[in-house]
C-alpha atoms as a PDB file:
ATOM      1  CA  MET A   1     -83.679   0.349 -71.842  1.00  0.00           C
ATOM      2  CA  GLN A   2     -81.699   0.117 -74.915  1.00  0.00           C
ATOM      3  CA  GLY A   3     -78.212  -1.423 -75.245  1.00  0.00           C
ATOM      4  CA  SER A   4     -77.074   2.179 -75.715  1.00  0.00           C
ATOM      5  CA  ASP A   5     -78.301   2.884 -72.244  1.00  0.00           C
ATOM      6  CA  PHE A   6     -76.179   0.397 -70.579  1.00  0.00           C
ATOM      7  CA  GLN A   7     -73.201   2.847 -69.828  1.00  0.00           C
ATOM      8  CA  ARG A   8     -75.445   5.269 -67.899  1.00  0.00           C
ATOM      9  CA  PHE A   9     -77.325   2.230 -66.109  1.00  0.00           C
ATOM     10  CA  ARG A  10     -73.699   1.127 -65.162  1.00  0.00           C
ATOM     11  CA  ALA A  11     -72.862   4.542 -63.941  1.00  0.00           C
ATOM     12  CA  VAL A  12     -75.969   4.871 -61.741  1.00  0.00           C
ATOM     13  CA  MET A  13     -75.627   1.449 -60.327  1.00  0.00           C
ATOM     14  CA  ALA A  14     -71.990   2.184 -59.625  1.00  0.00           C
ATOM     15  CA  GLY A  15     -72.984   5.341 -57.812  1.00  0.00           C
ATOM     16  CA  MET A  16     -75.529   3.543 -55.944  1.00  0.00           C
ATOM     17  CA  ALA A  17     -73.266   0.830 -54.738  1.00  0.00           C
ATOM     18  CA  GLU A  18     -70.744   3.297 -53.759  1.00  0.00           C
ATOM     19  CA  LEU A  19     -73.289   5.307 -51.720  1.00  0.00           C
ATOM     20  CA  TYR A  20     -74.069   2.105 -49.815  1.00  0.00           C
ATOM     21  CA  GLN A  21     -70.483   0.959 -49.571  1.00  0.00           C
ATOM     22  CA  ARG A  22     -71.191  -2.142 -51.771  1.00  0.00           C
ATOM     23  CA  GLU A  23     -69.231  -3.887 -54.441  1.00  0.00           C
ATOM     24  CA  LEU A  24     -70.884  -4.144 -57.683  1.00  0.00           C
ATOM     25  CA  SER A  25     -69.433  -7.076 -59.382  1.00  0.00           C
ATOM     26  CA  ALA A  26     -70.133  -7.535 -63.208  1.00  0.00           C
ATOM     27  CA  VAL A  27     -72.362 -10.666 -62.374  1.00  0.00           C
ATOM     28  CA  LEU A  28     -74.473  -8.554 -59.879  1.00  0.00           C
ATOM     29  CA  LEU A  29     -74.559  -5.706 -62.543  1.00  0.00           C
ATOM     30  CA  ASP A  30     -75.820  -8.166 -65.124  1.00  0.00           C
ATOM     31  CA  ALA A  31     -78.482  -9.371 -62.696  1.00  0.00           C
ATOM     32  CA  TYR A  32     -79.649  -5.844 -62.128  1.00  0.00           C
ATOM     33  CA  TRP A  33     -79.790  -5.213 -65.977  1.00  0.00           C
ATOM     34  CA  LEU A  34     -81.654  -8.419 -66.445  1.00  0.00           C
ATOM     35  CA  THR A  35     -84.419  -7.592 -64.022  1.00  0.00           C
ATOM     36  CA  LEU A  36     -84.466  -3.765 -64.829  1.00  0.00           C
ATOM     37  CA  GLY A  37     -83.503  -3.768 -68.495  1.00  0.00           C
ATOM     38  CA  ALA A  38     -87.189  -3.504 -69.623  1.00  0.00           C
ATOM     39  CA  TRP A  39     -87.581  -0.130 -67.913  1.00  0.00           C
ATOM     40  CA  SER A  40     -87.067   3.028 -69.611  1.00  0.00           C
ATOM     41  CA  LEU A  41     -83.882   4.832 -68.660  1.00  0.00           C
ATOM     42  CA  ALA A  42     -85.849   7.747 -67.358  1.00  0.00           C
ATOM     43  CA  ASP A  43     -87.874   5.597 -65.073  1.00  0.00           C
ATOM     44  CA  PHE A  44     -85.004   3.663 -63.998  1.00  0.00           C
ATOM     45  CA  GLU A  45     -83.076   6.944 -63.021  1.00  0.00           C
ATOM     46  CA  ALA A  46     -86.149   8.231 -61.168  1.00  0.00           C
ATOM     47  CA  ALA A  47     -86.589   5.110 -59.303  1.00  0.00           C
ATOM     48  CA  ALA A  48     -82.997   4.918 -58.433  1.00  0.00           C
ATOM     49  CA  GLY A  49     -82.862   8.417 -57.238  1.00  0.00           C
ATOM     50  CA  HIS A  50     -86.113   7.969 -55.011  1.00  0.00           C
ATOM     51  CA  LEU A  51     -84.706   4.711 -53.640  1.00  0.00           C
ATOM     52  CA  MET A  52     -81.363   6.241 -52.905  1.00  0.00           C
ATOM     53  CA  ALA A  53     -82.880   9.093 -50.969  1.00  0.00           C
ATOM     54  CA  ARG A  54     -85.125   6.848 -48.873  1.00  0.00           C
ATOM     55  CA  CYS A  55     -83.464   3.382 -48.378  1.00  0.00           C
ATOM     56  CA  GLN A  56     -81.038   2.628 -45.713  1.00  0.00           C
ATOM     57  CA  PHE A  57     -79.628  -0.386 -47.546  1.00  0.00           C
ATOM     58  CA  MET A  58     -78.713  -1.268 -51.283  1.00  0.00           C
ATOM     59  CA  PRO A  59     -82.014  -1.491 -53.176  1.00  0.00           C
ATOM     60  CA  ARG A  60     -82.646  -4.722 -54.608  1.00  0.00           C
ATOM     61  CA  PRO A  61     -84.394  -5.262 -57.987  1.00  0.00           C
ATOM     62  CA  ALA A  62     -87.607  -6.188 -55.907  1.00  0.00           C
ATOM     63  CA  ASP A  63     -87.335  -2.702 -54.288  1.00  0.00           C
ATOM     64  CA  PHE A  64     -87.684  -1.193 -57.930  1.00  0.00           C
ATOM     65  CA  THR A  65     -90.465  -3.521 -58.735  1.00  0.00           C
ATOM     66  CA  ASP A  66     -92.458  -2.538 -55.575  1.00  0.00           C
ATOM     67  CA  LEU A  67     -91.893   1.213 -56.446  1.00  0.00           C
ATOM     68  CA  ARG A  68     -93.191   0.770 -59.985  1.00  0.00           C
ATOM     69  CA  GLN A  69     -96.372  -1.122 -58.606  1.00  0.00           C
ATOM     70  CA  ALA A  70     -97.038   1.480 -56.174  1.00  0.00           C
ATOM     71  CA  ARG A  71     -98.243   3.598 -59.163  1.00  0.00           C
ATOM     72  CA  GLN A  72    -100.973   1.316 -59.939  1.00  0.00           C
ATOM     73  CA  MET A  73    -104.445   1.855 -58.876  1.00  0.00           C
ATOM     74  CA  THR A  74    -105.511  -0.184 -55.729  1.00  0.00           C
ATOM     75  CA  ALA A  75    -108.579  -2.085 -55.758  1.00  0.00           C
ATOM     76  CA  ALA A  76    -110.288   0.240 -53.393  1.00  0.00           C
ATOM     77  CA  GLU A  77    -109.392   3.119 -55.665  1.00  0.00           C
ATOM     78  CA  ALA A  78    -110.922   1.108 -58.593  1.00  0.00           C
ATOM     79  CA  TRP A  79    -114.024   0.202 -56.531  1.00  0.00           C
ATOM     80  CA  ALA A  80    -114.623   3.917 -55.926  1.00  0.00           C
ATOM     81  CA  HIS A  81    -113.939   4.798 -59.345  1.00  0.00           C
ATOM     82  CA  THR A  82    -116.465   2.073 -60.418  1.00  0.00           C
ATOM     83  CA  LEU A  83    -119.182   3.536 -58.026  1.00  0.00           C
ATOM     84  CA  ALA A  84    -118.617   6.811 -59.677  1.00  0.00           C
ATOM     85  CA  ARG A  85    -118.869   5.379 -63.169  1.00  0.00           C
ATOM     86  CA  CYS A  86    -122.080   3.454 -62.189  1.00  0.00           C
ATOM     87  CA  SER A  87    -123.572   6.834 -61.335  1.00  0.00           C
ATOM     88  CA  ARG A  88    -122.696   8.289 -64.617  1.00  0.00           C
ATOM     89  CA  TRP A  89    -124.145   4.987 -66.187  1.00  0.00           C
ATOM     90  CA  ARG A  90    -127.356   5.678 -64.743  1.00  0.00           C
ATOM     91  CA  GLU A  91    -127.281   9.051 -66.343  1.00  0.00           C
ATOM     92  CA  GLY A  92    -126.639   7.506 -69.898  1.00  0.00           C
ATOM     93  CA  VAL A  93    -122.990   8.370 -69.767  1.00  0.00           C
ATOM     94  CA  SER A  94    -120.456   5.456 -70.724  1.00  0.00           C
ATOM     95  CA  GLY A  95    -116.854   5.623 -70.153  1.00  0.00           C
ATOM     96  CA  ASP A  96    -113.825   3.880 -71.511  1.00  0.00           C
ATOM     97  CA  ASP A  97    -111.615   2.924 -68.595  1.00  0.00           C
ATOM     98  CA  ASP A  98    -108.859   0.724 -67.568  1.00  0.00           C
ATOM     99  CA  PRO A  99    -109.125  -2.840 -68.983  1.00  0.00           C
ATOM    100  CA  ALA A 100    -108.683  -4.408 -65.246  1.00  0.00           C
ATOM    101  CA  ILE A 101    -111.633  -2.209 -64.217  1.00  0.00           C
ATOM    102  CA  ASP A 102    -113.834  -3.081 -67.293  1.00  0.00           C
ATOM    103  CA  ALA A 103    -113.027  -6.829 -66.742  1.00  0.00           C
ATOM    104  CA  ALA A 104    -113.935  -6.695 -63.127  1.00  0.00           C
ATOM    105  CA  ILE A 105    -117.004  -4.980 -63.772  1.00  0.00           C
ATOM    106  CA  ARG A 106    -118.189  -7.418 -66.335  1.00  0.00           C
ATOM    107  CA  ALA A 107    -117.187 -10.220 -64.139  1.00  0.00           C
ATOM    108  CA  VAL A 108    -119.511  -9.141 -61.190  1.00  0.00           C
ATOM    109  CA  GLY A 109    -122.456  -8.564 -63.803  1.00  0.00           C
ATOM    110  CA  GLY A 110    -121.884  -5.184 -65.364  1.00  0.00           C
ATOM    111  CA  ASN A 111    -122.688  -1.721 -64.487  1.00  0.00           C
ATOM    112  CA  ARG A 112    -126.496  -2.447 -64.167  1.00  0.00           C
ATOM    113  CA  THR A 113    -125.737  -5.059 -61.456  1.00  0.00           C
ATOM    114  CA  ILE A 114    -123.686  -2.707 -59.464  1.00  0.00           C
ATOM    115  CA  ALA A 115    -125.883   0.300 -59.864  1.00  0.00           C
ATOM    116  CA  MET A 116    -128.963  -1.498 -59.091  1.00  0.00           C
ATOM    117  CA  GLN A 117    -127.461  -3.571 -56.142  1.00  0.00           C
ATOM    118  CA  PRO A 118    -129.319  -3.065 -52.635  1.00  0.00           C
ATOM    119  CA  LEU A 119    -127.052  -1.155 -50.285  1.00  0.00           C
ATOM    120  CA  ASP A 120    -126.879  -3.990 -47.791  1.00  0.00           C
ATOM    121  CA  LYS A 121    -125.551  -6.501 -50.526  1.00  0.00           C
ATOM    122  CA  LEU A 122    -122.969  -3.975 -51.966  1.00  0.00           C
ATOM    123  CA  PRO A 123    -120.117  -4.985 -49.634  1.00  0.00           C
ATOM    124  CA  PHE A 124    -120.187  -8.486 -50.961  1.00  0.00           C
ATOM    125  CA  LEU A 125    -120.084  -7.265 -54.651  1.00  0.00           C
ATOM    126  CA  GLU A 126    -117.178  -4.841 -53.539  1.00  0.00           C
ATOM    127  CA  ARG A 127    -115.216  -7.843 -52.197  1.00  0.00           C
ATOM    128  CA  ARG A 128    -115.681  -9.854 -55.219  1.00  0.00           C
ATOM    129  CA  PHE A 129    -114.870  -7.010 -57.520  1.00  0.00           C
ATOM    130  CA  CYS A 130    -111.670  -6.202 -55.532  1.00  0.00           C
ATOM    131  CA  GLU A 131    -110.590  -9.862 -55.786  1.00  0.00           C
ATOM    132  CA  LEU A 132    -111.239  -9.942 -59.519  1.00  0.00           C
ATOM    133  CA  PHE A 133    -109.538  -6.545 -60.035  1.00  0.00           C
ATOM    134  CA  ASN A 134    -106.383  -7.702 -58.121  1.00  0.00           C
ATOM    135  CA  GLU A 135    -106.192 -10.771 -59.961  1.00  0.00           C
ATOM    136  CA  ARG A 136    -106.409  -9.210 -63.282  1.00  0.00           C
ATOM    137  CA  GLN A 137    -103.985  -6.584 -62.304  1.00  0.00           C
ATOM    138  CA  GLN A 138    -101.379  -9.381 -61.369  1.00  0.00           C
ATOM    139  CA  ALA A 139    -101.974 -11.417 -64.270  1.00  0.00           C
ATOM    140  CA  THR A 140    -101.627  -8.511 -66.690  1.00  0.00           C
ATOM    141  CA  ALA A 141     -98.386  -7.291 -65.156  1.00  0.00           C
ATOM    142  CA  ALA A 142     -96.888 -10.765 -65.362  1.00  0.00           C
ATOM    143  CA  ARG A 143     -98.131 -11.368 -69.064  1.00  0.00           C
ATOM    144  CA  ARG A 144     -96.636  -7.998 -69.937  1.00  0.00           C
ATOM    145  CA  LEU A 145     -93.377  -8.662 -68.334  1.00  0.00           C
ATOM    146  CA  LEU A 146     -93.157 -12.104 -69.769  1.00  0.00           C
ATOM    147  CA  GLY A 147     -94.306 -11.032 -73.261  1.00  0.00           C
ATOM    148  CA  GLN A 148     -96.689 -13.689 -73.281  1.00  0.00           C
ATOM    149  CA  PRO A 149     -98.172 -13.943 -76.874  1.00  0.00           C
ATOM    150  CA  GLY A 150    -101.656 -15.073 -75.580  1.00  0.00           C
ATOM    151  CA  HIS A 151    -102.047 -11.815 -73.347  1.00  0.00           C
ATOM    152  CA  PRO A 152    -105.295 -10.072 -74.193  1.00  0.00           C
ATOM    153  CA  ASP A 153    -103.621  -6.706 -74.761  1.00  0.00           C
ATOM    154  CA  SER A 154    -101.367  -8.106 -77.456  1.00  0.00           C
ATOM    155  CA  GLY A 155    -104.320  -8.518 -79.772  1.00  0.00           C
ATOM    156  CA  HIS A 156    -103.848 -12.124 -80.281  1.00  0.00           C
ATOM    157  CA  ILE A 157    -106.950 -13.306 -78.428  1.00  0.00           C
ATOM    158  CA  PRO A 158    -110.097 -11.143 -77.197  1.00  0.00           C
ATOM    159  CA  ALA A 159    -110.172 -10.007 -73.646  1.00  0.00           C
ATOM    160  CA  GLU A 160    -113.649 -11.537 -73.221  1.00  0.00           C
ATOM    161  CA  PRO A 161    -115.730 -13.471 -75.565  1.00  0.00           C
ATOM    162  CA  PRO A 162    -118.341 -11.280 -77.361  1.00  0.00           C
ATOM    163  CA  GLN A 163    -121.702 -11.160 -75.526  1.00  0.00           C
ATOM    164  CA  ILE A 164    -124.433 -11.953 -78.017  1.00  0.00           C
ATOM    165  CA  GLY A 165    -127.583  -9.867 -77.626  1.00  0.00           C
ATOM    166  CA  ARG A 166    -126.044  -7.373 -75.101  1.00  0.00           C
ATOM    167  CA  SER A 167    -124.818  -3.850 -75.752  1.00  0.00           C
ATOM    168  CA  HIS A 168    -122.224  -2.051 -73.718  1.00  0.00           C
ATOM    169  CA  ALA A 169    -124.947   0.080 -72.286  1.00  0.00           C
ATOM    170  CA  ASP A 170    -126.457  -3.084 -70.698  1.00  0.00           C
ATOM    171  CA  GLU A 171    -123.233  -3.587 -68.609  1.00  0.00           C
END
C-alpha cells in the first residue's frame, strides 16, 4: 500500500476492531500497517472482508498471511502439473512454468528423469519433488518479503548455474 492508502487502511481496521468489539490503539494499528503495508489496498480490503465474514475473533496479521498463502499452488498440485508437463515433454512440447516448479524439476533430474521413471519408483521421486518445491516456495516468499538483494528473481544472481552441454529439451 502507498502512504496515501493509510486513511482507508485505518478505516477498514477501525471497522474490523468495532465489529469484534476490540480497541485499536495507535501502536496496534502501526503493527498491522507494518506487517500488511506491502499488500495492495485492494488485496488488503478483499482479505479483510473475507476474514470478517468468517472469523469469530479479531484477525491477526498471521491470518492475513495464511489467507494469502492459500492462493499458492500446493506441492501436490505442482506434482500433478509436472506429470502433465512430462507427458507434453514426451511429445516434444516444452512449457514455461512457475520458477518453483522448474527448480524442483531440475533438482530431481529434469523432465526426462521424471518421464522415464519406472512407476514403482515414482512415489520416491514425487516425495523429493514435493520437498524441494515446498522449500523453494518458502524461500522465495521470505526473500521477496524481505527484499533480499540476492534473490534469484531479483536479477542479481542466476536461479541456477548454467548447464554446459545440456539443452532445456534434455530436462
